Amino acid sequence: DVEPNEQQLKDLQGFMETEQQKAVIQAAINKLTETCFDKCVTKPGAKLDSSEASCISNCAGRYLDSSLRVRGILAHSSRAQLSPVRLLLM
């Protein structure tokens, strides 16, 4: 058996981290798509009408803003050792 060297282990770790980040991004895109489509498209057809397109655009913007806000709160809470709920109440 050949043991991997330190560089190979670092390369593998980097690859795994990249793949994990891709999976997280893909899951977020899937959730955003599902959430906004379900909210905005009442009668699926060949094309989105202008109100559906506008709704999806607004929904996606709000979803991304909310996600960034929550991530910021969670990052801050982990640094400050405070619960996210407590931070929201501040």
PDB file of N, CA and C in Angstrom:
ATOM      1  N   ASP A   1       0.830  -1.193   0.000  1.00  0.00           N
ATOM      2  CA  ASP A   1       0.000   0.000   0.000  1.00  0.00           C
ATOM      3  C   ASP A   1       0.870   1.251   0.000  1.00  0.00           C
ATOM      4  N   VAL A   2       0.490   2.192  -0.836  1.00  0.00           N
ATOM      5  CA  VAL A   2       1.217   3.453  -0.910  1.00  0.00           C
ATOM      6  C   VAL A   2       0.408   4.512  -0.170  1.00  0.00           C
ATOM      7  N   GLU A   3       1.029   5.126   0.795  1.00  0.00           N
ATOM      8  CA  GLU A   3       0.381   6.198   1.552  1.00  0.00           C
ATOM      9  C   GLU A   3       0.467   7.496   0.752  1.00  0.00           C
ATOM     10  N   PRO A   4      -0.603   8.294   0.739  1.00  0.00           N
ATOM     11  CA  PRO A   4      -0.533   9.580   0.038  1.00  0.00           C
ATOM     12  C   PRO A   4       0.416  10.523   0.770  1.00  0.00           C
ATOM     13  N   ASN A   5       1.127  11.340  -0.015  1.00  0.00           N
ATOM     14  CA  ASN A   5       2.031  12.295   0.614  1.00  0.00           C
ATOM     15  C   ASN A   5       1.247  13.536   1.055  1.00  0.00           C
ATOM     16  N   GLU A   6       1.935  14.428   1.729  1.00  0.00           N
ATOM     17  CA  GLU A   6       1.287  15.618   2.297  1.00  0.00           C
ATOM     18  C   GLU A   6       0.629  16.475   1.218  1.00  0.00           C
ATOM     19  N   GLN A   7       1.292  16.654   0.086  1.00  0.00           N
ATOM     20  CA  GLN A   7       0.727  17.469  -0.996  1.00  0.00           C
ATOM     21  C   GLN A   7      -0.532  16.825  -1.568  1.00  0.00           C
ATOM     22  N   GLN A   8      -0.502  15.520  -1.721  1.00  0.00           N
ATOM     23  CA  GLN A   8      -1.686  14.820  -2.232  1.00  0.00           C
ATOM     24  C   GLN A   8      -2.866  14.961  -1.269  1.00  0.00           C
ATOM     25  N   LEU A   9      -2.582  14.902   0.025  1.00  0.00           N
ATOM     26  CA  LEU A   9      -3.641  15.081   1.018  1.00  0.00           C
ATOM     27  C   LEU A   9      -4.210  16.499   0.966  1.00  0.00           C
ATOM     28  N   LYS A  10      -3.325  17.491   0.811  1.00  0.00           N
ATOM     29  CA  LYS A  10      -3.785  18.882   0.698  1.00  0.00           C
ATOM     30  C   LYS A  10      -4.622  19.067  -0.563  1.00  0.00           C
ATOM     31  N   ASP A  11      -4.169  18.488  -1.660  1.00  0.00           N
ATOM     32  CA  ASP A  11      -4.919  18.579  -2.919  1.00  0.00           C
ATOM     33  C   ASP A  11      -6.297  17.942  -2.779  1.00  0.00           C
ATOM     34  N   LEU A  12      -6.335  16.783  -2.145  1.00  0.00           N
ATOM     35  CA  LEU A  12      -7.609  16.089  -1.943  1.00  0.00           C
ATOM     36  C   LEU A  12      -8.535  16.904  -1.045  1.00  0.00           C
ATOM     37  N   GLN A  13      -7.980  17.470   0.008  1.00  0.00           N
ATOM     38  CA  GLN A  13      -8.780  18.294   0.911  1.00  0.00           C
ATOM     39  C   GLN A  13      -9.330  19.512   0.173  1.00  0.00           C
ATOM     40  N   GLY A  14      -8.499  20.156  -0.635  1.00  0.00           N
ATOM     41  CA  GLY A  14      -8.946  21.304  -1.419  1.00  0.00           C
ATOM     42  C   GLY A  14     -10.039  20.926  -2.397  1.00  0.00           C
ATOM     43  N   PHE A  15      -9.877  19.790  -3.050  1.00  0.00           N
ATOM     44  CA  PHE A  15     -10.891  19.301  -3.983  1.00  0.00           C
ATOM     45  C   PHE A  15     -12.209  19.046  -3.263  1.00  0.00           C
ATOM     46  N   MET A  16     -12.137  18.406  -2.107  1.00  0.00           N
ATOM     47  CA  MET A  16     -13.351  18.092  -1.354  1.00  0.00           C
ATOM     48  C   MET A  16     -14.043  19.364  -0.865  1.00  0.00           C
ATOM     49  N   GLU A  17     -13.278  20.351  -0.434  1.00  0.00           N
ATOM     50  CA  GLU A  17     -13.865  21.619   0.000  1.00  0.00           C
ATOM     51  C   GLU A  17     -14.553  22.324  -1.162  1.00  0.00           C
ATOM     52  N   THR A  18     -13.916  22.309  -2.330  1.00  0.00           N
ATOM     53  CA  THR A  18     -14.510  22.925  -3.517  1.00  0.00           C
ATOM     54  C   THR A  18     -15.810  22.231  -3.896  1.00  0.00           C
ATOM     55  N   GLU A  19     -15.804  20.913  -3.880  1.00  0.00           N
ATOM     56  CA  GLU A  19     -17.013  20.158  -4.214  1.00  0.00           C
ATOM     57  C   GLU A  19     -18.127  20.417  -3.203  1.00  0.00           C
ATOM     58  N   GLN A  20     -17.759  20.538  -1.941  1.00  0.00           N
ATOM     59  CA  GLN A  20     -18.759  20.827  -0.912  1.00  0.00           C
ATOM     60  C   GLN A  20     -19.350  22.222  -1.125  1.00  0.00           C
ATOM     61  N   GLN A  21     -18.517  23.190  -1.461  1.00  0.00           N
ATOM     62  CA  GLN A  21     -19.005  24.539  -1.743  1.00  0.00           C
ATOM     63  C   GLN A  21     -19.938  24.534  -2.948  1.00  0.00           C
ATOM     64  N   LYS A  22     -19.585  23.776  -3.974  1.00  0.00           N
ATOM     65  CA  LYS A  22     -20.455  23.668  -5.155  1.00  0.00           C
ATOM     66  C   LYS A  22     -21.812  23.085  -4.773  1.00  0.00           C
ATOM     67  N   ALA A  23     -21.802  22.071  -3.926  1.00  0.00           N
ATOM     68  CA  ALA A  23     -23.052  21.430  -3.500  1.00  0.00           C
ATOM     69  C   ALA A  23     -23.916  22.397  -2.698  1.00  0.00           C
ATOM     70  N   VAL A  24     -23.298  23.188  -1.841  1.00  0.00           N
ATOM     71  CA  VAL A  24     -24.042  24.174  -1.051  1.00  0.00           C
ATOM     72  C   VAL A  24     -24.657  25.224  -1.966  1.00  0.00           C
ATOM     73  N   ILE A  25     -23.893  25.698  -2.929  1.00  0.00           N
ATOM     74  CA  ILE A  25     -24.396  26.698  -3.877  1.00  0.00           C
ATOM     75  C   ILE A  25     -25.537  26.117  -4.699  1.00  0.00           C
ATOM     76  N   GLN A  26     -25.376  24.900  -5.186  1.00  0.00           N
ATOM     77  CA  GLN A  26     -26.429  24.268  -5.982  1.00  0.00           C
ATOM     78  C   GLN A  26     -27.695  24.077  -5.161  1.00  0.00           C
ATOM     79  N   ALA A  27     -27.556  23.682  -3.905  1.00  0.00           N
ATOM     80  CA  ALA A  27     -28.727  23.514  -3.037  1.00  0.00           C
ATOM     81  C   ALA A  27     -29.434  24.846  -2.822  1.00  0.00           C
ATOM     82  N   ALA A  28     -28.669  25.921  -2.650  1.00  0.00           N
ATOM     83  CA  ALA A  28     -29.270  27.245  -2.472  1.00  0.00           C
ATOM     84  C   ALA A  28     -30.008  27.683  -3.730  1.00  0.00           C
ATOM     85  N   ILE A  29     -29.414  27.430  -4.886  1.00  0.00           N
ATOM     86  CA  ILE A  29     -30.070  27.776  -6.156  1.00  0.00           C
ATOM     87  C   ILE A  29     -31.359  26.980  -6.316  1.00  0.00           C
ATOM     88  N   ASN A  30     -31.310  25.700  -6.002  1.00  0.00           N
ATOM     89  CA  ASN A  30     -32.509  24.865  -6.101  1.00  0.00           C
ATOM     90  C   ASN A  30     -33.605  25.359  -5.167  1.00  0.00           C
ATOM     91  N   LYS A  31     -33.238  25.716  -3.941  1.00  0.00           N
ATOM     92  CA  LYS A  31     -34.222  26.208  -2.972  1.00  0.00           C
ATOM     93  C   LYS A  31     -34.812  27.530  -3.436  1.00  0.00           C
ATOM     94  N   LEU A  32     -33.967  28.427  -3.915  1.00  0.00           N
ATOM     95  CA  LEU A  32     -34.436  29.722  -4.420  1.00  0.00           C
ATOM     96  C   LEU A  32     -35.389  29.516  -5.591  1.00  0.00           C
ATOM     97  N   THR A  33     -35.015  28.661  -6.525  1.00  0.00           N
ATOM     98  CA  THR A  33     -35.850  28.399  -7.697  1.00  0.00           C
ATOM     99  C   THR A  33     -37.203  27.834  -7.283  1.00  0.00           C
ATOM    100  N   GLU A  34     -37.188  26.848  -6.421  1.00  0.00           N
ATOM    101  CA  GLU A  34     -38.434  26.224  -5.974  1.00  0.00           C
ATOM    102  C   GLU A  34     -39.317  27.222  -5.230  1.00  0.00           C
ATOM    103  N   THR A  35     -38.723  27.957  -4.307  1.00  0.00           N
ATOM    104  CA  THR A  35     -39.485  28.919  -3.508  1.00  0.00           C
ATOM    105  C   THR A  35     -40.119  29.986  -4.380  1.00  0.00           C
ATOM    106  N   CYS A  36     -39.325  30.601  -5.234  1.00  0.00           N
ATOM    107  CA  CYS A  36     -39.830  31.706  -6.052  1.00  0.00           C
ATOM    108  C   CYS A  36     -40.794  31.219  -7.132  1.00  0.00           C
ATOM    109  N   PHE A  37     -40.528  30.076  -7.718  1.00  0.00           N
ATOM    110  CA  PHE A  37     -41.437  29.548  -8.740  1.00  0.00           C
ATOM    111  C   PHE A  37     -42.796  29.244  -8.113  1.00  0.00           C
ATOM    112  N   ASP A  38     -42.787  28.563  -6.971  1.00  0.00           N
ATOM    113  CA  ASP A  38     -44.046  28.225  -6.302  1.00  0.00           C
ATOM    114  C   ASP A  38     -44.823  29.477  -5.903  1.00  0.00           C
ATOM    115  N   LYS A  39     -44.116  30.516  -5.501  1.00  0.00           N
ATOM    116  CA  LYS A  39     -44.768  31.750  -5.070  1.00  0.00           C
ATOM    117  C   LYS A  39     -45.302  32.557  -6.247  1.00  0.00           C
ATOM    118  N   CYS A  40     -44.588  32.574  -7.346  1.00  0.00           N
ATOM    119  CA  CYS A  40     -44.864  33.532  -8.421  1.00  0.00           C
ATOM    120  C   CYS A  40     -45.591  32.964  -9.637  1.00  0.00           C
ATOM    121  N   VAL A  41     -45.463  31.693  -9.893  1.00  0.00           N
ATOM    122  CA  VAL A  41     -46.041  31.126 -11.118  1.00  0.00           C
ATOM    123  C   VAL A  41     -47.273  30.304 -10.745  1.00  0.00           C
ATOM    124  N   THR A  42     -48.434  30.889 -11.034  1.00  0.00           N
ATOM    125  CA  THR A  42     -49.685  30.212 -10.673  1.00  0.00           C
ATOM    126  C   THR A  42     -50.164  29.279 -11.774  1.00  0.00           C
ATOM    127  N   LYS A  43     -49.889  29.645 -13.025  1.00  0.00           N
ATOM    128  CA  LYS A  43     -50.305  28.830 -14.174  1.00  0.00           C
ATOM    129  C   LYS A  43     -49.103  28.624 -15.092  1.00  0.00           C
ATOM    130  N   PRO A  44     -48.332  27.556 -14.868  1.00  0.00           N
ATOM    131  CA  PRO A  44     -47.157  27.329 -15.718  1.00  0.00           C
ATOM    132  C   PRO A  44     -47.533  27.251 -17.196  1.00  0.00           C
ATOM    133  N   GLY A  45     -46.730  27.897 -18.011  1.00  0.00           N
ATOM    134  CA  GLY A  45     -46.936  27.884 -19.447  1.00  0.00           C
ATOM    135  C   GLY A  45     -45.606  27.875 -20.162  1.00  0.00           C
ATOM    136  N   ALA A  46     -45.645  28.141 -21.452  1.00  0.00           N
ATOM    137  CA  ALA A  46     -44.426  28.134 -22.262  1.00  0.00           C
ATOM    138  C   ALA A  46     -43.493  29.280 -21.890  1.00  0.00           C
ATOM    139  N   LYS A  47     -44.066  30.404 -21.463  1.00  0.00           N
ATOM    140  CA  LYS A  47     -43.272  31.585 -21.110  1.00  0.00           C
ATOM    141  C   LYS A  47     -43.810  32.194 -19.823  1.00  0.00           C
ATOM    142  N   LEU A  48     -42.937  32.927 -19.146  1.00  0.00           N
ATOM    143  CA  LEU A  48     -43.382  33.707 -17.995  1.00  0.00           C
ATOM    144  C   LEU A  48     -44.007  34.993 -18.505  1.00  0.00           C
ATOM    145  N   ASP A  49     -45.111  35.413 -17.884  1.00  0.00           N
ATOM    146  CA  ASP A  49     -45.620  36.727 -18.254  1.00  0.00           C
ATOM    147  C   ASP A  49     -44.845  37.774 -17.460  1.00  0.00           C
ATOM    148  N   SER A  50     -45.063  39.044 -17.757  1.00  0.00           N
ATOM    149  CA  SER A  50     -44.251  40.107 -17.148  1.00  0.00           C
ATOM    150  C   SER A  50     -44.426  40.166 -15.634  1.00  0.00           C
ATOM    151  N   SER A  51     -45.630  39.920 -15.133  1.00  0.00           N
ATOM    152  CA  SER A  51     -45.826  39.967 -13.679  1.00  0.00           C
ATOM    153  C   SER A  51     -45.120  38.793 -12.996  1.00  0.00           C
ATOM    154  N   GLU A  52     -45.116  37.624 -13.620  1.00  0.00           N
ATOM    155  CA  GLU A  52     -44.405  36.477 -13.063  1.00  0.00           C
ATOM    156  C   GLU A  52     -42.897  36.729 -13.059  1.00  0.00           C
ATOM    157  N   ALA A  53     -42.391  37.263 -14.153  1.00  0.00           N
ATOM    158  CA  ALA A  53     -40.956  37.553 -14.241  1.00  0.00           C
ATOM    159  C   ALA A  53     -40.549  38.576 -13.191  1.00  0.00           C
ATOM    160  N   SER A  54     -41.369  39.603 -13.016  1.00  0.00           N
ATOM    161  CA  SER A  54     -41.088  40.629 -12.011  1.00  0.00           C
ATOM    162  C   SER A  54     -41.131  40.032 -10.608  1.00  0.00           C
ATOM    163  N   CYS A  55     -42.134  39.203 -10.353  1.00  0.00           N
ATOM    164  CA  CYS A  55     -42.264  38.550  -9.048  1.00  0.00           C
ATOM    165  C   CYS A  55     -41.047  37.672  -8.754  1.00  0.00           C
ATOM    166  N   ILE A  56     -40.624  36.894  -9.738  1.00  0.00           N
ATOM    167  CA  ILE A  56     -39.466  36.014  -9.542  1.00  0.00           C
ATOM    168  C   ILE A  56     -38.210  36.838  -9.271  1.00  0.00           C
ATOM    169  N   SER A  57     -38.037  37.917 -10.002  1.00  0.00           N
ATOM    170  CA  SER A  57     -36.876  38.785  -9.792  1.00  0.00           C
ATOM    171  C   SER A  57     -36.877  39.365  -8.379  1.00  0.00           C
ATOM    172  N   ASN A  58     -38.026  39.874  -7.953  1.00  0.00           N
ATOM    173  CA  ASN A  58     -38.132  40.439  -6.602  1.00  0.00           C
ATOM    174  C   ASN A  58     -37.939  39.366  -5.538  1.00  0.00           C
ATOM    175  N   CYS A  59     -38.540  38.212  -5.754  1.00  0.00           N
ATOM    176  CA  CYS A  59     -38.420  37.099  -4.809  1.00  0.00           C
ATOM    177  C   CYS A  59     -36.957  36.674  -4.667  1.00  0.00           C
ATOM    178  N   ALA A  60     -36.280  36.524  -5.785  1.00  0.00           N
ATOM    179  CA  ALA A  60     -34.874  36.103  -5.754  1.00  0.00           C
ATOM    180  C   ALA A  60     -34.022  37.131  -5.017  1.00  0.00           C
ATOM    181  N   GLY A  61     -34.278  38.406  -5.274  1.00  0.00           N
ATOM    182  CA  GLY A  61     -33.531  39.461  -4.586  1.00  0.00           C
ATOM    183  C   GLY A  61     -33.748  39.421  -3.084  1.00  0.00           C
ATOM    184  N   ARG A  62     -34.999  39.283  -2.668  1.00  0.00           N
ATOM    185  CA  ARG A  62     -35.307  39.205  -1.233  1.00  0.00           C
ATOM    186  C   ARG A  62     -34.702  37.949  -0.616  1.00  0.00           C
ATOM    187  N   TYR A  63     -34.780  36.841  -1.331  1.00  0.00           N
ATOM    188  CA  TYR A  63     -34.231  35.581  -0.831  1.00  0.00           C
ATOM    189  C   TYR A  63     -32.721  35.714  -0.611  1.00  0.00           C
ATOM    190  N   LEU A  64     -32.032  36.282  -1.586  1.00  0.00           N
ATOM    191  CA  LEU A  64     -30.582  36.447  -1.458  1.00  0.00           C
ATOM    192  C   LEU A  64     -30.232  37.409  -0.336  1.00  0.00           C
ATOM    193  N   ASP A  65     -30.957  38.530  -0.241  1.00  0.00           N
ATOM    194  CA  ASP A  65     -30.714  39.483   0.844  1.00  0.00           C
ATOM    195  C   ASP A  65     -30.925  38.824   2.203  1.00  0.00           C
ATOM    196  N   SER A  66     -32.007  38.071   2.320  1.00  0.00           N
ATOM    197  CA  SER A  66     -32.306  37.383   3.581  1.00  0.00           C
ATOM    198  C   SER A  66     -31.236  36.351   3.913  1.00  0.00           C
ATOM    199  N   SER A  67     -30.820  35.598   2.919  1.00  0.00           N
ATOM    200  CA  SER A  67     -29.789  34.582   3.145  1.00  0.00           C
ATOM    201  C   SER A  67     -28.487  35.216   3.614  1.00  0.00           C
ATOM    202  N   LEU A  68     -28.104  36.319   2.981  1.00  0.00           N
ATOM    203  CA  LEU A  68     -26.879  37.010   3.387  1.00  0.00           C
ATOM    204  C   LEU A  68     -27.007  37.552   4.800  1.00  0.00           C
ATOM    205  N   ARG A  69     -28.165  38.080   5.133  1.00  0.00           N
ATOM    206  CA  ARG A  69     -28.398  38.621   6.477  1.00  0.00           C
ATOM    207  C   ARG A  69     -28.291  37.505   7.518  1.00  0.00           C
ATOM    208  N   VAL A  70     -28.951  36.389   7.251  1.00  0.00           N
ATOM    209  CA  VAL A  70     -28.913  35.260   8.187  1.00  0.00           C
ATOM    210  C   VAL A  70     -27.491  34.737   8.338  1.00  0.00           C
ATOM    211  N   ARG A  71     -26.777  34.607   7.225  1.00  0.00           N
ATOM    212  CA  ARG A  71     -25.386  34.133   7.304  1.00  0.00           C
ATOM    213  C   ARG A  71     -24.526  35.098   8.118  1.00  0.00           C
ATOM    214  N   GLY A  72     -24.751  36.396   7.929  1.00  0.00           N
ATOM    215  CA  GLY A  72     -24.010  37.385   8.707  1.00  0.00           C
ATOM    216  C   GLY A  72     -24.305  37.270  10.189  1.00  0.00           C
ATOM    217  N   ILE A  73     -25.573  37.087  10.527  1.00  0.00           N
ATOM    218  CA  ILE A  73     -25.963  36.933  11.929  1.00  0.00           C
ATOM    219  C   ILE A  73     -25.338  35.672  12.522  1.00  0.00           C
ATOM    220  N   LEU A  74     -25.402  34.577  11.772  1.00  0.00           N
ATOM    221  CA  LEU A  74     -24.827  33.328  12.273  1.00  0.00           C
ATOM    222  C   LEU A  74     -23.317  33.436  12.448  1.00  0.00           C
ATOM    223  N   ALA A  75     -22.654  34.078  11.505  1.00  0.00           N
ATOM    224  CA  ALA A  75     -21.201  34.248  11.616  1.00  0.00           C
ATOM    225  C   ALA A  75     -20.868  35.106  12.828  1.00  0.00           C
ATOM    226  N   HIS A  76     -21.630  36.179  13.009  1.00  0.00           N
ATOM    227  CA  HIS A  76     -21.400  37.066  14.149  1.00  0.00           C
ATOM    228  C   HIS A  76     -21.687  36.334  15.456  1.00  0.00           C
ATOM    229  N   SER A  77     -22.759  35.549  15.479  1.00  0.00           N
ATOM    230  CA  SER A  77     -23.116  34.849  16.716  1.00  0.00           C
ATOM    231  C   SER A  77     -22.069  33.810  17.080  1.00  0.00           C
ATOM    232  N   SER A  78     -21.507  33.155  16.080  1.00  0.00           N
ATOM    233  CA  SER A  78     -20.484  32.157  16.398  1.00  0.00           C
ATOM    234  C   SER A  78     -19.220  32.832  16.919  1.00  0.00           C
ATOM    235  N   ARG A  79     -18.933  34.018  16.399  1.00  0.00           N
ATOM    236  CA  ARG A  79     -17.769  34.756  16.901  1.00  0.00           C
ATOM    237  C   ARG A  79     -18.041  35.307  18.293  1.00  0.00           C
ATOM    238  N   ALA A  80     -19.250  35.794  18.512  1.00  0.00           N
ATOM    239  CA  ALA A  80     -19.587  36.428  19.781  1.00  0.00           C
ATOM    240  C   ALA A  80     -20.118  35.427  20.806  1.00  0.00           C
ATOM    241  N   GLN A  81     -20.321  34.170  20.375  1.00  0.00           N
ATOM    242  CA  GLN A  81     -20.851  33.128  21.242  1.00  0.00           C
ATOM    243  C   GLN A  81     -22.236  33.489  21.775  1.00  0.00           C
ATOM    244  N   LEU A  82     -23.030  34.168  20.927  1.00  0.00           N
ATOM    245  CA  LEU A  82     -24.405  34.516  21.270  1.00  0.00           C
ATOM    246  C   LEU A  82     -25.343  33.725  20.384  1.00  0.00           C
ATOM    247  N   SER A  83     -26.552  33.508  20.858  1.00  0.00           N
ATOM    248  CA  SER A  83     -27.519  32.797  20.025  1.00  0.00           C
ATOM    249  C   SER A  83     -28.024  33.717  18.928  1.00  0.00           C
ATOM    250  N   PRO A  84     -28.344  33.188  17.734  1.00  0.00           N
ATOM    251  CA  PRO A  84     -28.877  34.008  16.643  1.00  0.00           C
ATOM    252  C   PRO A  84     -30.164  34.723  17.029  1.00  0.00           C
ATOM    253  N   VAL A  85     -31.007  34.085  17.834  1.00  0.00           N
ATOM    254  CA  VAL A  85     -32.259  34.722  18.247  1.00  0.00           C
ATOM    255  C   VAL A  85     -31.961  35.959  19.075  1.00  0.00           C
ATOM    256  N   ARG A  86     -31.006  35.863  19.963  1.00  0.00           N
ATOM    257  CA  ARG A  86     -30.636  37.011  20.796  1.00  0.00           C
ATOM    258  C   ARG A  86     -30.106  38.153  19.937  1.00  0.00           C
ATOM    259  N   LEU A  87     -29.329  37.831  18.921  1.00  0.00           N
ATOM    260  CA  LEU A  87     -28.804  38.865  18.034  1.00  0.00           C
ATOM    261  C   LEU A  87     -29.920  39.557  17.264  1.00  0.00           C
ATOM    262  N   LEU A  88     -30.931  38.800  16.849  1.00  0.00           N
ATOM    263  CA  LEU A  88     -32.046  39.402  16.120  1.00  0.00           C
ATOM    264  C   LEU A  88     -32.808  40.386  16.990  1.00  0.00           C
ATOM    265  N   LEU A  89     -32.829  40.135  18.276  1.00  0.00           N
ATOM    266  CA  LEU A  89     -33.564  41.001  19.190  1.00  0.00           C
ATOM    267  C   LEU A  89     -32.782  42.242  19.574  1.00  0.00           C
ATOM    268  N   MET A  90     -31.513  42.282  19.250  1.00  0.00           N
ATOM    269  CA  MET A  90     -30.681  43.442  19.594  1.00  0.00           C
ATOM    270  C   MET A  90     -31.032  44.634  18.742  1.00  0.00           C
TER     271      MET A  90
END
